[in-house]
N, C-alpha and C. Protein backbone atom coordinates (compact mmCIF):
# COMPACT_ATOMS: atom_id res chain seq x y z
N MET A 1 -5.85 7.43 -12.77
CA MET A 1 -4.79 7.52 -11.79
C MET A 1 -4.61 6.20 -11.05
N ALA A 2 -5.70 5.52 -10.72
CA ALA A 2 -5.61 4.23 -10.03
C ALA A 2 -4.92 3.20 -10.90
N GLU A 3 -5.15 3.25 -12.22
CA GLU A 3 -4.49 2.31 -13.12
C GLU A 3 -2.98 2.54 -13.12
N GLU A 4 -2.56 3.79 -13.08
CA GLU A 4 -1.13 4.08 -13.10
C GLU A 4 -0.45 3.52 -11.86
N SER A 5 -1.05 3.69 -10.68
CA SER A 5 -0.41 3.18 -9.48
C SER A 5 -0.40 1.66 -9.48
N ALA A 6 -1.41 1.03 -10.04
CA ALA A 6 -1.41 -0.43 -10.14
C ALA A 6 -0.30 -0.89 -11.07
N GLU A 7 -0.08 -0.17 -12.16
CA GLU A 7 0.98 -0.54 -13.09
C GLU A 7 2.35 -0.40 -12.44
N GLN A 8 2.54 0.59 -11.60
CA GLN A 8 3.82 0.79 -10.95
C GLN A 8 4.18 -0.39 -10.06
N HIS A 9 3.19 -1.10 -9.56
CA HIS A 9 3.45 -2.20 -8.65
C HIS A 9 3.43 -3.55 -9.36
N THR A 10 3.29 -3.55 -10.67
CA THR A 10 3.35 -4.78 -11.44
C THR A 10 4.76 -4.95 -11.96
N CYS A 11 5.37 -6.05 -11.64
CA CYS A 11 6.74 -6.31 -11.99
C CYS A 11 6.77 -7.10 -13.30
N SER A 12 7.18 -6.45 -14.37
CA SER A 12 7.06 -7.08 -15.69
C SER A 12 8.01 -8.25 -15.90
N GLY A 13 9.17 -8.21 -15.29
CA GLY A 13 10.14 -9.26 -15.54
C GLY A 13 9.91 -10.52 -14.74
N CYS A 14 9.82 -10.40 -13.42
CA CYS A 14 9.73 -11.61 -12.60
C CYS A 14 8.31 -11.96 -12.22
N VAL A 15 7.38 -11.08 -12.44
CA VAL A 15 6.00 -11.37 -12.06
C VAL A 15 5.11 -11.14 -13.26
N LYS A 16 5.40 -11.83 -14.33
CA LYS A 16 4.57 -11.70 -15.52
C LYS A 16 3.17 -12.17 -15.18
N HIS A 17 2.21 -11.34 -15.52
CA HIS A 17 0.81 -11.65 -15.24
C HIS A 17 0.56 -11.91 -13.75
N LYS A 18 1.28 -11.19 -12.90
CA LYS A 18 1.10 -11.21 -11.45
C LYS A 18 1.42 -12.55 -10.80
N HIS A 19 2.28 -13.34 -11.38
CA HIS A 19 2.73 -14.55 -10.72
C HIS A 19 4.13 -14.92 -11.18
N ARG A 20 4.82 -15.67 -10.35
CA ARG A 20 6.16 -16.14 -10.69
C ARG A 20 6.06 -17.52 -11.33
N ASP A 21 7.10 -17.88 -12.04
CA ASP A 21 7.20 -19.23 -12.57
C ASP A 21 7.57 -20.15 -11.41
N LYS A 22 6.60 -20.88 -10.89
CA LYS A 22 6.81 -21.68 -9.70
C LYS A 22 7.72 -22.88 -9.93
N ASP A 23 8.06 -23.15 -11.17
CA ASP A 23 8.98 -24.24 -11.47
C ASP A 23 10.43 -23.75 -11.58
N SER A 24 10.63 -22.44 -11.53
CA SER A 24 11.98 -21.93 -11.72
C SER A 24 12.85 -22.22 -10.49
N LYS A 25 14.13 -22.35 -10.76
CA LYS A 25 15.11 -22.60 -9.71
C LYS A 25 15.12 -21.43 -8.71
N GLU A 26 15.01 -20.21 -9.23
CA GLU A 26 15.04 -19.02 -8.39
C GLU A 26 13.86 -19.00 -7.42
N TYR A 27 12.67 -19.31 -7.93
CA TYR A 27 11.46 -19.34 -7.11
C TYR A 27 11.63 -20.36 -5.98
N LYS A 28 12.08 -21.55 -6.34
CA LYS A 28 12.23 -22.62 -5.35
C LYS A 28 13.26 -22.24 -4.29
N CYS A 29 14.32 -21.55 -4.71
CA CYS A 29 15.35 -21.11 -3.77
C CYS A 29 14.77 -20.10 -2.78
N LEU A 30 13.99 -19.14 -3.27
CA LEU A 30 13.39 -18.14 -2.39
C LEU A 30 12.42 -18.78 -1.40
N VAL A 31 11.58 -19.68 -1.88
CA VAL A 31 10.62 -20.34 -1.01
C VAL A 31 11.34 -21.19 0.04
N SER A 32 12.40 -21.86 -0.38
CA SER A 32 13.18 -22.68 0.54
C SER A 32 13.77 -21.81 1.65
N ARG A 33 14.31 -20.66 1.28
CA ARG A 33 14.87 -19.74 2.28
C ARG A 33 13.80 -19.30 3.27
N LEU A 34 12.63 -18.95 2.75
CA LEU A 34 11.55 -18.49 3.63
C LEU A 34 11.07 -19.59 4.56
N ARG A 35 11.01 -20.80 4.07
CA ARG A 35 10.58 -21.92 4.93
C ARG A 35 11.61 -22.19 6.03
N ARG A 36 12.87 -22.04 5.69
CA ARG A 36 13.92 -22.21 6.69
C ARG A 36 13.80 -21.12 7.76
N ILE A 37 13.56 -19.89 7.33
CA ILE A 37 13.38 -18.77 8.26
C ILE A 37 12.15 -19.01 9.13
N GLU A 38 11.08 -19.48 8.50
CA GLU A 38 9.86 -19.79 9.25
C GLU A 38 10.15 -20.80 10.36
N GLY A 39 10.93 -21.80 10.05
CA GLY A 39 11.32 -22.79 11.06
C GLY A 39 12.14 -22.17 12.18
N GLN A 40 13.02 -21.26 11.81
CA GLN A 40 13.82 -20.57 12.83
C GLN A 40 12.92 -19.75 13.76
N VAL A 41 11.93 -19.07 13.19
CA VAL A 41 11.02 -18.26 14.00
C VAL A 41 10.22 -19.15 14.95
N ARG A 42 9.76 -20.28 14.44
CA ARG A 42 9.04 -21.23 15.31
C ARG A 42 9.94 -21.70 16.45
N GLY A 43 11.21 -21.94 16.11
CA GLY A 43 12.16 -22.36 17.13
C GLY A 43 12.35 -21.30 18.21
N VAL A 44 12.41 -20.05 17.82
CA VAL A 44 12.55 -18.96 18.79
C VAL A 44 11.29 -18.87 19.65
N CYS A 45 10.14 -19.03 19.04
CA CYS A 45 8.88 -19.01 19.79
C CYS A 45 8.90 -20.10 20.86
N LYS A 46 9.35 -21.29 20.48
CA LYS A 46 9.42 -22.40 21.44
C LYS A 46 10.44 -22.08 22.54
N MET A 47 11.54 -21.45 22.17
CA MET A 47 12.54 -21.07 23.17
C MET A 47 11.94 -20.12 24.21
N VAL A 48 11.15 -19.16 23.74
CA VAL A 48 10.50 -18.21 24.66
C VAL A 48 9.50 -18.95 25.55
N GLU A 49 8.69 -19.82 24.93
CA GLU A 49 7.71 -20.59 25.70
C GLU A 49 8.38 -21.49 26.74
N ASP A 50 9.56 -22.01 26.40
CA ASP A 50 10.29 -22.90 27.31
C ASP A 50 11.16 -22.13 28.30
N ASP A 51 11.06 -20.79 28.26
CA ASP A 51 11.80 -19.92 29.17
C ASP A 51 13.32 -20.15 29.07
N ARG A 52 13.79 -20.23 27.84
CA ARG A 52 15.22 -20.44 27.61
C ARG A 52 16.01 -19.17 27.92
N TYR A 53 17.30 -19.31 28.04
CA TYR A 53 18.21 -18.22 28.38
C TYR A 53 18.12 -17.12 27.32
N CYS A 54 17.96 -15.89 27.80
CA CYS A 54 17.75 -14.74 26.90
C CYS A 54 18.84 -14.59 25.85
N VAL A 55 20.08 -14.80 26.23
CA VAL A 55 21.19 -14.64 25.29
C VAL A 55 21.07 -15.65 24.15
N ASP A 56 20.64 -16.85 24.46
CA ASP A 56 20.44 -17.86 23.41
C ASP A 56 19.33 -17.44 22.45
N ILE A 57 18.26 -16.87 23.00
CA ILE A 57 17.16 -16.40 22.16
C ILE A 57 17.63 -15.25 21.28
N LEU A 58 18.34 -14.31 21.87
CA LEU A 58 18.85 -13.16 21.10
C LEU A 58 19.78 -13.61 19.97
N THR A 59 20.58 -14.62 20.24
CA THR A 59 21.48 -15.16 19.21
C THR A 59 20.68 -15.72 18.05
N GLN A 60 19.61 -16.45 18.36
CA GLN A 60 18.77 -17.01 17.30
C GLN A 60 18.03 -15.92 16.52
N VAL A 61 17.58 -14.89 17.21
CA VAL A 61 16.91 -13.78 16.54
C VAL A 61 17.88 -13.08 15.59
N SER A 62 19.12 -12.94 16.01
CA SER A 62 20.14 -12.35 15.14
C SER A 62 20.35 -13.20 13.89
N ALA A 63 20.33 -14.51 14.06
CA ALA A 63 20.46 -15.41 12.90
C ALA A 63 19.28 -15.25 11.95
N ILE A 64 18.09 -15.06 12.50
CA ILE A 64 16.90 -14.84 11.66
C ILE A 64 17.03 -13.54 10.88
N GLN A 65 17.50 -12.50 11.55
CA GLN A 65 17.69 -11.22 10.86
C GLN A 65 18.69 -11.36 9.71
N SER A 66 19.76 -12.08 9.96
CA SER A 66 20.75 -12.31 8.90
C SER A 66 20.15 -13.09 7.74
N ALA A 67 19.34 -14.09 8.06
CA ALA A 67 18.69 -14.88 7.01
C ALA A 67 17.72 -14.03 6.19
N LEU A 68 16.98 -13.16 6.85
CA LEU A 68 16.07 -12.26 6.14
C LEU A 68 16.84 -11.28 5.26
N ASN A 69 17.97 -10.80 5.75
CA ASN A 69 18.80 -9.91 4.93
C ASN A 69 19.32 -10.64 3.69
N ALA A 70 19.72 -11.88 3.86
CA ALA A 70 20.19 -12.67 2.72
C ALA A 70 19.06 -12.90 1.72
N PHE A 71 17.84 -13.15 2.23
CA PHE A 71 16.68 -13.30 1.36
C PHE A 71 16.44 -12.02 0.58
N ASN A 72 16.47 -10.88 1.27
CA ASN A 72 16.27 -9.59 0.60
C ASN A 72 17.30 -9.36 -0.50
N LYS A 73 18.55 -9.68 -0.22
CA LYS A 73 19.61 -9.49 -1.22
C LYS A 73 19.35 -10.34 -2.46
N GLU A 74 18.96 -11.59 -2.24
CA GLU A 74 18.70 -12.50 -3.36
C GLU A 74 17.50 -12.03 -4.18
N LEU A 75 16.41 -11.67 -3.50
CA LEU A 75 15.22 -11.20 -4.20
C LEU A 75 15.51 -9.90 -4.96
N LEU A 76 16.25 -9.00 -4.34
CA LEU A 76 16.60 -7.74 -5.00
C LEU A 76 17.47 -8.00 -6.23
N ALA A 77 18.42 -8.90 -6.12
CA ALA A 77 19.26 -9.23 -7.27
C ALA A 77 18.43 -9.79 -8.42
N GLN A 78 17.51 -10.70 -8.09
CA GLN A 78 16.63 -11.25 -9.13
C GLN A 78 15.77 -10.16 -9.76
N HIS A 79 15.27 -9.28 -8.93
CA HIS A 79 14.41 -8.19 -9.41
C HIS A 79 15.19 -7.29 -10.38
N ILE A 80 16.40 -6.93 -10.01
CA ILE A 80 17.21 -6.05 -10.86
C ILE A 80 17.54 -6.75 -12.17
N LYS A 81 17.97 -8.02 -12.09
CA LYS A 81 18.39 -8.74 -13.29
C LYS A 81 17.25 -9.01 -14.26
N SER A 82 16.04 -9.07 -13.76
CA SER A 82 14.92 -9.36 -14.66
C SER A 82 14.03 -8.14 -14.83
N CYS A 83 13.30 -7.80 -13.82
CA CYS A 83 12.28 -6.74 -13.91
C CYS A 83 12.86 -5.39 -14.30
N VAL A 84 13.87 -4.96 -13.57
CA VAL A 84 14.43 -3.62 -13.81
C VAL A 84 15.06 -3.55 -15.19
N VAL A 85 15.86 -4.53 -15.53
CA VAL A 85 16.51 -4.54 -16.85
C VAL A 85 15.46 -4.56 -17.97
N ASP A 86 14.46 -5.41 -17.83
CA ASP A 86 13.41 -5.48 -18.86
C ASP A 86 12.67 -4.16 -19.00
N ASP A 87 12.34 -3.53 -17.87
CA ASP A 87 11.63 -2.25 -17.93
C ASP A 87 12.48 -1.15 -18.56
N ILE A 88 13.75 -1.11 -18.23
CA ILE A 88 14.63 -0.10 -18.83
C ILE A 88 14.74 -0.32 -20.34
N ARG A 89 14.90 -1.57 -20.74
CA ARG A 89 14.97 -1.87 -22.18
C ARG A 89 13.68 -1.50 -22.90
N ALA A 90 12.56 -1.58 -22.19
CA ALA A 90 11.26 -1.24 -22.77
C ALA A 90 10.99 0.27 -22.72
N GLY A 91 11.96 1.02 -22.20
CA GLY A 91 11.81 2.47 -22.16
C GLY A 91 11.12 3.00 -20.92
N HIS A 92 10.92 2.16 -19.93
CA HIS A 92 10.26 2.58 -18.70
C HIS A 92 11.32 2.99 -17.66
N ASP A 93 11.94 4.13 -17.89
CA ASP A 93 13.03 4.57 -17.03
C ASP A 93 12.59 4.91 -15.60
N GLU A 94 11.29 5.10 -15.39
CA GLU A 94 10.79 5.41 -14.04
C GLU A 94 11.06 4.27 -13.06
N VAL A 95 11.37 3.09 -13.59
CA VAL A 95 11.68 1.95 -12.73
C VAL A 95 12.93 2.23 -11.90
N VAL A 96 13.80 3.10 -12.39
CA VAL A 96 15.01 3.45 -11.64
C VAL A 96 14.62 4.18 -10.35
N ASP A 97 13.66 5.09 -10.43
CA ASP A 97 13.19 5.79 -9.23
C ASP A 97 12.59 4.81 -8.23
N GLU A 98 11.83 3.85 -8.74
CA GLU A 98 11.25 2.84 -7.86
C GLU A 98 12.35 2.01 -7.20
N LEU A 99 13.39 1.67 -7.96
CA LEU A 99 14.50 0.90 -7.41
C LEU A 99 15.21 1.68 -6.31
N VAL A 100 15.45 2.96 -6.55
CA VAL A 100 16.10 3.80 -5.55
C VAL A 100 15.26 3.84 -4.27
N ALA A 101 13.95 4.03 -4.41
CA ALA A 101 13.06 4.07 -3.25
C ALA A 101 13.09 2.73 -2.50
N THR A 102 13.11 1.65 -3.26
CA THR A 102 13.16 0.32 -2.65
C THR A 102 14.46 0.13 -1.88
N LEU A 103 15.57 0.52 -2.48
CA LEU A 103 16.87 0.41 -1.81
C LEU A 103 16.89 1.22 -0.52
N GLN A 104 16.31 2.41 -0.56
CA GLN A 104 16.27 3.24 0.65
C GLN A 104 15.47 2.57 1.75
N LYS A 105 14.38 1.90 1.40
CA LYS A 105 13.58 1.19 2.40
C LYS A 105 14.35 0.00 2.97
N VAL A 106 14.98 -0.75 2.09
CA VAL A 106 15.66 -1.98 2.50
C VAL A 106 16.91 -1.67 3.32
N MET A 107 17.57 -0.56 3.03
CA MET A 107 18.84 -0.25 3.67
C MET A 107 18.71 0.62 4.91
N LYS A 108 17.50 0.88 5.37
CA LYS A 108 17.37 1.76 6.54
C LYS A 108 17.78 1.10 7.82
């Protein structure tokens, strides 16, 4: 049973052998987005420490949320185009249930 749950969390298309191709354009794009978001979060932290105007902080937090949503959309698109398609072609239709559950989590 433990092996089955581990297999469900292994992404055959984009995470072959539990890692991404770190030289791929897609990987670099995702990491770049996350680093930009990380910088935005640091900026908000500094704004709070500097006792900046609350509305300015809230505006920056909203921008971070939008950036995270854009990251999620990109990662989800890559996942569907590679992992989900590959699994369906391999006859692993249960990946559709996993995708539905993932969409429900992301869209709440």
